[in-house]
Amino acid sequence: MADVVFACVHNAGRSRMAEALFAREAGDRYTVASAGTEPAERPHPEVVAALAEVGIELPPEPGRLLTPELADSSRRLVSMGCNVEEACPATTTPMEDWALADPKGQPIERVREIRDEIAARVRDLVIELDRERVR
């Protein structure tokens, strides 16, 4: 079970960045996972490089499959803007879409921009979750 699940098709780019950035931002206050509808063998190298620049080591492990159980067990399910909703397992968890560009094959400058946009959205999400916790 995870409080937040980030989902994309291959779980190799946006969702992996979001998971890593969320884990750093939230610390031990919330649990996080990422997954894909068609998981890749490893994260995109440009994503690994962009995260390394901000001190996050992304292990080269294969992507995780987005299962109905993982989706249903989360409080928040966030799509990265890759039409995951159409391939997503049926879930009772509301899904929000961040509509982010795909970093795969992009120059490192563009991947940094995507990383920074994800980081900003992650910060906002953690603040929102903190506010909900106080209520």
N, C-alpha and C. Protein backbone atom coordinates (compact mmCIF):
# COMPACT_ATOMS: atom_id res chain seq x y z
N MET A 1 0.84 -1.19 0.00
CA MET A 1 0.00 0.00 0.00
C MET A 1 0.88 1.25 0.00
N ALA A 2 0.45 2.23 -0.77
CA ALA A 2 1.16 3.51 -0.84
C ALA A 2 0.14 4.64 -0.74
N ASP A 3 0.53 5.71 -0.07
CA ASP A 3 -0.35 6.87 -0.02
C ASP A 3 -0.54 7.45 -1.41
N VAL A 4 0.56 7.50 -2.17
CA VAL A 4 0.53 8.08 -3.52
C VAL A 4 1.17 7.10 -4.49
N VAL A 5 0.52 6.91 -5.64
CA VAL A 5 1.09 6.11 -6.72
C VAL A 5 1.16 6.99 -7.96
N PHE A 6 2.35 7.07 -8.55
CA PHE A 6 2.56 7.78 -9.80
C PHE A 6 2.60 6.74 -10.92
N ALA A 7 1.84 6.99 -11.98
CA ALA A 7 1.72 5.99 -13.04
C ALA A 7 1.99 6.59 -14.41
N CYS A 8 2.69 5.81 -15.22
CA CYS A 8 2.85 6.13 -16.64
C CYS A 8 2.92 4.80 -17.39
N VAL A 9 3.20 4.83 -18.66
CA VAL A 9 3.16 3.60 -19.44
C VAL A 9 4.30 2.67 -19.05
N HIS A 10 5.55 3.15 -19.12
CA HIS A 10 6.70 2.26 -18.95
C HIS A 10 7.35 2.30 -17.57
N ASN A 11 6.94 3.22 -16.71
CA ASN A 11 7.55 3.35 -15.38
C ASN A 11 9.07 3.44 -15.51
N ALA A 12 9.48 4.29 -16.45
CA ALA A 12 10.92 4.44 -16.72
C ALA A 12 11.35 5.90 -16.74
N GLY A 13 10.41 6.83 -16.70
CA GLY A 13 10.74 8.24 -16.80
C GLY A 13 10.02 9.08 -15.77
N ARG A 14 8.92 9.68 -16.19
CA ARG A 14 8.19 10.63 -15.34
C ARG A 14 7.76 10.04 -14.00
N SER A 15 7.17 8.86 -14.04
CA SER A 15 6.68 8.28 -12.78
C SER A 15 7.82 7.93 -11.84
N ARG A 16 8.95 7.48 -12.40
CA ARG A 16 10.10 7.16 -11.55
C ARG A 16 10.69 8.43 -10.94
N MET A 17 10.75 9.52 -11.74
CA MET A 17 11.23 10.79 -11.18
C MET A 17 10.30 11.26 -10.08
N ALA A 18 8.99 11.18 -10.33
CA ALA A 18 8.03 11.64 -9.34
C ALA A 18 8.14 10.85 -8.04
N GLU A 19 8.29 9.53 -8.16
CA GLU A 19 8.43 8.70 -6.96
C GLU A 19 9.66 9.10 -6.15
N ALA A 20 10.79 9.25 -6.83
CA ALA A 20 12.04 9.59 -6.14
C ALA A 20 11.97 10.98 -5.51
N LEU A 21 11.43 11.94 -6.24
CA LEU A 21 11.33 13.30 -5.72
C LEU A 21 10.33 13.39 -4.57
N PHE A 22 9.23 12.65 -4.68
CA PHE A 22 8.23 12.62 -3.61
C PHE A 22 8.82 12.01 -2.35
N ALA A 23 9.54 10.90 -2.50
CA ALA A 23 10.14 10.24 -1.33
C ALA A 23 11.08 11.19 -0.59
N ARG A 24 11.85 11.97 -1.35
CA ARG A 24 12.76 12.92 -0.71
C ARG A 24 12.00 14.06 -0.05
N GLU A 25 10.99 14.57 -0.71
CA GLU A 25 10.22 15.71 -0.20
C GLU A 25 9.39 15.33 1.03
N ALA A 26 8.76 14.17 0.99
CA ALA A 26 7.83 13.77 2.05
C ALA A 26 8.51 13.10 3.22
N GLY A 27 9.72 12.61 3.01
CA GLY A 27 10.38 11.88 4.09
C GLY A 27 9.56 10.66 4.48
N ASP A 28 9.40 10.45 5.78
CA ASP A 28 8.64 9.28 6.22
C ASP A 28 7.18 9.60 6.53
N ARG A 29 6.71 10.78 6.13
CA ARG A 29 5.31 11.15 6.39
C ARG A 29 4.33 10.38 5.52
N TYR A 30 4.74 10.02 4.31
CA TYR A 30 3.86 9.33 3.37
C TYR A 30 4.65 8.26 2.63
N THR A 31 3.92 7.26 2.17
CA THR A 31 4.53 6.22 1.35
C THR A 31 4.23 6.51 -0.11
N VAL A 32 5.11 6.05 -0.98
CA VAL A 32 4.97 6.35 -2.40
C VAL A 32 5.42 5.15 -3.22
N ALA A 33 4.81 5.01 -4.38
CA ALA A 33 5.21 3.98 -5.34
C ALA A 33 5.01 4.55 -6.73
N SER A 34 5.63 3.91 -7.69
CA SER A 34 5.36 4.25 -9.09
C SER A 34 5.20 2.95 -9.85
N ALA A 35 4.48 3.02 -10.97
CA ALA A 35 4.21 1.82 -11.74
C ALA A 35 3.84 2.21 -13.16
N GLY A 36 3.81 1.20 -14.03
CA GLY A 36 3.44 1.42 -15.42
C GLY A 36 2.52 0.34 -15.94
N THR A 37 1.80 0.66 -16.99
CA THR A 37 0.91 -0.32 -17.59
C THR A 37 1.67 -1.31 -18.47
N GLU A 38 2.86 -0.91 -18.95
CA GLU A 38 3.75 -1.77 -19.73
C GLU A 38 5.18 -1.50 -19.25
N PRO A 39 5.56 -2.00 -18.09
CA PRO A 39 6.85 -1.63 -17.48
C PRO A 39 8.06 -1.96 -18.35
N ALA A 40 9.02 -1.04 -18.31
CA ALA A 40 10.28 -1.20 -19.05
C ALA A 40 11.29 -1.98 -18.21
N GLU A 41 12.36 -2.39 -18.86
CA GLU A 41 13.42 -3.15 -18.19
C GLU A 41 14.23 -2.31 -17.22
N ARG A 42 14.33 -0.99 -17.50
CA ARG A 42 15.15 -0.11 -16.65
C ARG A 42 14.70 1.33 -16.89
N PRO A 43 15.07 2.23 -15.99
CA PRO A 43 14.74 3.64 -16.20
C PRO A 43 15.53 4.22 -17.36
N HIS A 44 14.99 5.26 -17.97
CA HIS A 44 15.68 5.94 -19.07
C HIS A 44 16.98 6.55 -18.54
N PRO A 45 18.09 6.41 -19.28
CA PRO A 45 19.37 6.93 -18.79
C PRO A 45 19.37 8.44 -18.55
N GLU A 46 18.63 9.18 -19.36
CA GLU A 46 18.59 10.63 -19.17
C GLU A 46 17.87 11.00 -17.87
N VAL A 47 16.93 10.17 -17.45
CA VAL A 47 16.23 10.38 -16.18
C VAL A 47 17.17 10.08 -15.02
N VAL A 48 17.92 9.00 -15.12
CA VAL A 48 18.92 8.65 -14.10
C VAL A 48 19.91 9.81 -13.95
N ALA A 49 20.38 10.35 -15.07
CA ALA A 49 21.35 11.45 -15.04
C ALA A 49 20.77 12.71 -14.41
N ALA A 50 19.53 13.06 -14.78
CA ALA A 50 18.91 14.28 -14.24
C ALA A 50 18.68 14.17 -12.74
N LEU A 51 18.30 13.00 -12.27
CA LEU A 51 18.12 12.82 -10.82
C LEU A 51 19.45 12.83 -10.09
N ALA A 52 20.48 12.27 -10.69
CA ALA A 52 21.81 12.27 -10.07
C ALA A 52 22.30 13.70 -9.84
N GLU A 53 21.93 14.60 -10.74
CA GLU A 53 22.35 16.01 -10.60
C GLU A 53 21.79 16.66 -9.33
N VAL A 54 20.67 16.13 -8.83
CA VAL A 54 20.08 16.69 -7.61
C VAL A 54 20.26 15.74 -6.43
N GLY A 55 21.22 14.84 -6.56
CA GLY A 55 21.59 13.98 -5.45
C GLY A 55 20.72 12.76 -5.21
N ILE A 56 19.97 12.34 -6.22
CA ILE A 56 19.12 11.16 -6.08
C ILE A 56 19.65 10.05 -6.98
N GLU A 57 19.95 8.92 -6.36
CA GLU A 57 20.41 7.77 -7.14
C GLU A 57 19.21 6.89 -7.46
N LEU A 58 18.96 6.69 -8.74
CA LEU A 58 17.84 5.86 -9.17
C LEU A 58 18.37 4.48 -9.54
N PRO A 59 17.97 3.46 -8.81
CA PRO A 59 18.48 2.12 -9.11
C PRO A 59 18.00 1.64 -10.48
N PRO A 60 18.80 0.80 -11.14
CA PRO A 60 18.46 0.34 -12.49
C PRO A 60 17.47 -0.81 -12.52
N GLU A 61 16.62 -0.90 -11.53
CA GLU A 61 15.67 -2.01 -11.48
C GLU A 61 14.55 -1.84 -12.50
N PRO A 62 13.93 -2.95 -12.91
CA PRO A 62 12.83 -2.88 -13.88
C PRO A 62 11.64 -2.11 -13.31
N GLY A 63 10.81 -1.62 -14.23
CA GLY A 63 9.59 -0.94 -13.82
C GLY A 63 8.63 -1.90 -13.14
N ARG A 64 7.70 -1.35 -12.41
CA ARG A 64 6.70 -2.12 -11.67
C ARG A 64 5.38 -2.06 -12.44
N LEU A 65 4.65 -3.16 -12.46
CA LEU A 65 3.35 -3.22 -13.13
C LEU A 65 2.29 -2.53 -12.28
N LEU A 66 1.48 -1.70 -12.91
CA LEU A 66 0.36 -1.07 -12.23
C LEU A 66 -0.78 -2.09 -12.15
N THR A 67 -1.01 -2.59 -10.97
CA THR A 67 -2.05 -3.59 -10.75
C THR A 67 -3.28 -2.93 -10.14
N PRO A 68 -4.45 -3.58 -10.25
CA PRO A 68 -5.63 -3.03 -9.59
C PRO A 68 -5.42 -2.89 -8.08
N GLU A 69 -4.70 -3.83 -7.48
CA GLU A 69 -4.47 -3.78 -6.04
C GLU A 69 -3.63 -2.56 -5.65
N LEU A 70 -2.59 -2.29 -6.42
CA LEU A 70 -1.75 -1.12 -6.13
C LEU A 70 -2.55 0.16 -6.31
N ALA A 71 -3.30 0.25 -7.39
CA ALA A 71 -4.10 1.45 -7.64
C ALA A 71 -5.15 1.66 -6.54
N ASP A 72 -5.85 0.59 -6.18
CA ASP A 72 -6.92 0.69 -5.18
C ASP A 72 -6.40 0.98 -3.78
N SER A 73 -5.17 0.59 -3.49
CA SER A 73 -4.65 0.77 -2.14
C SER A 73 -4.11 2.18 -1.89
N SER A 74 -4.04 3.00 -2.93
CA SER A 74 -3.47 4.34 -2.77
C SER A 74 -4.54 5.37 -2.44
N ARG A 75 -4.12 6.43 -1.78
CA ARG A 75 -5.01 7.57 -1.53
C ARG A 75 -5.07 8.48 -2.75
N ARG A 76 -3.95 8.55 -3.47
CA ARG A 76 -3.84 9.39 -4.66
C ARG A 76 -3.21 8.58 -5.78
N LEU A 77 -3.77 8.67 -6.96
CA LEU A 77 -3.22 8.03 -8.15
C LEU A 77 -3.00 9.14 -9.17
N VAL A 78 -1.74 9.33 -9.54
CA VAL A 78 -1.37 10.44 -10.42
C VAL A 78 -0.81 9.90 -11.72
N SER A 79 -1.48 10.25 -12.83
CA SER A 79 -0.99 9.90 -14.16
C SER A 79 -0.04 11.01 -14.61
N MET A 80 1.00 10.63 -15.31
CA MET A 80 2.01 11.58 -15.73
C MET A 80 1.72 12.23 -17.08
N GLY A 81 0.56 11.98 -17.66
CA GLY A 81 0.21 12.62 -18.92
C GLY A 81 0.48 11.75 -20.12
N CYS A 82 0.28 10.46 -19.96
CA CYS A 82 0.62 9.54 -21.05
C CYS A 82 -0.54 8.62 -21.39
N ASN A 83 -1.75 9.11 -21.22
CA ASN A 83 -2.95 8.34 -21.54
C ASN A 83 -3.02 7.01 -20.80
N VAL A 84 -2.47 6.99 -19.61
CA VAL A 84 -2.50 5.78 -18.79
C VAL A 84 -3.93 5.42 -18.41
N GLU A 85 -4.79 6.42 -18.31
CA GLU A 85 -6.16 6.18 -17.88
C GLU A 85 -6.83 5.12 -18.74
N GLU A 86 -6.54 5.13 -20.04
CA GLU A 86 -7.18 4.19 -20.96
C GLU A 86 -6.71 2.77 -20.72
N ALA A 87 -5.46 2.59 -20.31
CA ALA A 87 -4.91 1.25 -20.09
C ALA A 87 -4.88 0.88 -18.62
N CYS A 88 -5.29 1.81 -17.78
CA CYS A 88 -5.21 1.61 -16.34
C CYS A 88 -6.24 0.58 -15.88
N PRO A 89 -5.88 -0.24 -14.91
CA PRO A 89 -6.88 -1.16 -14.37
C PRO A 89 -8.00 -0.36 -13.70
N ALA A 90 -9.18 -0.93 -13.71
CA ALA A 90 -10.31 -0.27 -13.04
C ALA A 90 -9.95 -0.07 -11.58
N THR A 91 -10.23 1.13 -11.09
CA THR A 91 -9.88 1.45 -9.71
C THR A 91 -10.92 2.37 -9.10
N THR A 92 -11.02 2.30 -7.80
CA THR A 92 -11.92 3.20 -7.08
C THR A 92 -11.20 4.47 -6.65
N THR A 93 -9.89 4.51 -6.82
CA THR A 93 -9.10 5.68 -6.45
C THR A 93 -9.21 6.74 -7.54
N PRO A 94 -9.58 7.96 -7.20
CA PRO A 94 -9.62 9.01 -8.22
C PRO A 94 -8.23 9.24 -8.81
N MET A 95 -8.19 9.46 -10.12
CA MET A 95 -6.91 9.69 -10.80
C MET A 95 -6.84 11.15 -11.25
N GLU A 96 -5.68 11.76 -11.02
CA GLU A 96 -5.44 13.09 -11.56
C GLU A 96 -4.32 12.98 -12.59
N ASP A 97 -4.35 13.85 -13.58
CA ASP A 97 -3.37 13.79 -14.67
C ASP A 97 -2.52 15.05 -14.65
N TRP A 98 -1.19 14.86 -14.59
CA TRP A 98 -0.28 16.00 -14.56
C TRP A 98 0.15 16.44 -15.95
N ALA A 99 -0.18 15.71 -17.00
CA ALA A 99 0.08 16.11 -18.39
C ALA A 99 1.50 16.64 -18.61
N LEU A 100 2.48 15.80 -18.33
CA LEU A 100 3.89 16.17 -18.48
C LEU A 100 4.49 15.61 -19.76
N ALA A 101 5.47 16.31 -20.30
CA ALA A 101 6.18 15.83 -21.49
C ALA A 101 7.00 14.59 -21.14
N ASP A 102 7.21 13.74 -22.14
CA ASP A 102 7.99 12.52 -21.96
C ASP A 102 9.48 12.85 -22.05
N PRO A 103 10.29 12.49 -21.05
CA PRO A 103 11.72 12.79 -21.10
C PRO A 103 12.53 11.84 -21.98
N LYS A 104 11.95 10.74 -22.39
CA LYS A 104 12.70 9.72 -23.14
C LYS A 104 13.31 10.31 -24.41
N GLY A 105 14.64 10.16 -24.51
CA GLY A 105 15.35 10.61 -25.70
C GLY A 105 15.55 12.11 -25.81
N GLN A 106 15.14 12.86 -24.81
CA GLN A 106 15.26 14.32 -24.84
C GLN A 106 16.66 14.74 -24.41
N PRO A 107 17.10 15.92 -24.86
CA PRO A 107 18.38 16.45 -24.37
C PRO A 107 18.29 16.68 -22.85
N ILE A 108 19.41 16.60 -22.19
CA ILE A 108 19.44 16.71 -20.74
C ILE A 108 18.83 18.03 -20.26
N GLU A 109 18.97 19.10 -21.03
CA GLU A 109 18.38 20.40 -20.63
C GLU A 109 16.86 20.27 -20.52
N ARG A 110 16.24 19.58 -21.46
CA ARG A 110 14.78 19.40 -21.44
C ARG A 110 14.38 18.47 -20.30
N VAL A 111 15.17 17.44 -20.06
CA VAL A 111 14.87 16.50 -18.97
C VAL A 111 14.95 17.23 -17.63
N ARG A 112 15.90 18.14 -17.50
CA ARG A 112 15.99 18.95 -16.26
C ARG A 112 14.72 19.78 -16.06
N GLU A 113 14.21 20.37 -17.14
CA GLU A 113 12.98 21.16 -17.04
C GLU A 113 11.81 20.28 -16.57
N ILE A 114 11.71 19.09 -17.14
CA ILE A 114 10.65 18.16 -16.75
C ILE A 114 10.82 17.76 -15.28
N ARG A 115 12.06 17.45 -14.90
CA ARG A 115 12.37 17.09 -13.50
C ARG A 115 11.95 18.22 -12.56
N ASP A 116 12.28 19.44 -12.91
CA ASP A 116 11.97 20.58 -12.05
C ASP A 116 10.47 20.83 -11.97
N GLU A 117 9.76 20.60 -13.07
CA GLU A 117 8.30 20.74 -13.05
C GLU A 117 7.68 19.67 -12.15
N ILE A 118 8.18 18.45 -12.26
CA ILE A 118 7.70 17.38 -11.39
C ILE A 118 7.99 17.72 -9.93
N ALA A 119 9.19 18.21 -9.65
CA ALA A 119 9.56 18.56 -8.27
C ALA A 119 8.61 19.61 -7.70
N ALA A 120 8.25 20.61 -8.50
CA ALA A 120 7.33 21.65 -8.03
C ALA A 120 5.95 21.07 -7.75
N ARG A 121 5.47 20.20 -8.62
CA ARG A 121 4.16 19.59 -8.41
C ARG A 121 4.17 18.67 -7.20
N VAL A 122 5.27 17.97 -7.02
CA VAL A 122 5.42 17.09 -5.86
C VAL A 122 5.38 17.91 -4.58
N ARG A 123 6.09 19.03 -4.54
CA ARG A 123 6.06 19.90 -3.35
C ARG A 123 4.63 20.33 -3.04
N ASP A 124 3.90 20.75 -4.08
CA ASP A 124 2.50 21.15 -3.89
C ASP A 124 1.65 20.00 -3.36
N LEU A 125 1.87 18.81 -3.90
CA LEU A 125 1.10 17.64 -3.46
C LEU A 125 1.39 17.31 -2.00
N VAL A 126 2.63 17.37 -1.59
CA VAL A 126 2.98 17.09 -0.19
C VAL A 126 2.33 18.13 0.72
N ILE A 127 2.35 19.40 0.32
CA ILE A 127 1.69 20.45 1.11
C ILE A 127 0.20 20.15 1.23
N GLU A 128 -0.42 19.76 0.13
CA GLU A 128 -1.84 19.43 0.13
C GLU A 128 -2.13 18.24 1.05
N LEU A 129 -1.32 17.21 0.98
CA LEU A 129 -1.50 16.05 1.86
C LEU A 129 -1.32 16.43 3.32
N ASP A 130 -0.35 17.29 3.60
CA ASP A 130 -0.14 17.76 4.97
C ASP A 130 -1.37 18.50 5.48
N ARG A 131 -1.97 19.33 4.64
CA ARG A 131 -3.17 20.07 5.04
C ARG A 131 -4.33 19.12 5.31
N GLU A 132 -4.48 18.10 4.46
CA GLU A 132 -5.55 17.12 4.65
C GLU A 132 -5.36 16.37 5.96
N ARG A 133 -4.12 16.11 6.31
CA ARG A 133 -3.81 15.37 7.53
C ARG A 133 -4.22 16.16 8.76
N VAL A 134 -4.10 17.48 8.70
CA VAL A 134 -4.41 18.35 9.83
C VAL A 134 -5.92 18.44 10.06
N ARG A 135 -6.69 18.31 9.00
CA ARG A 135 -8.16 18.44 9.12
C ARG A 135 -8.77 17.38 9.96
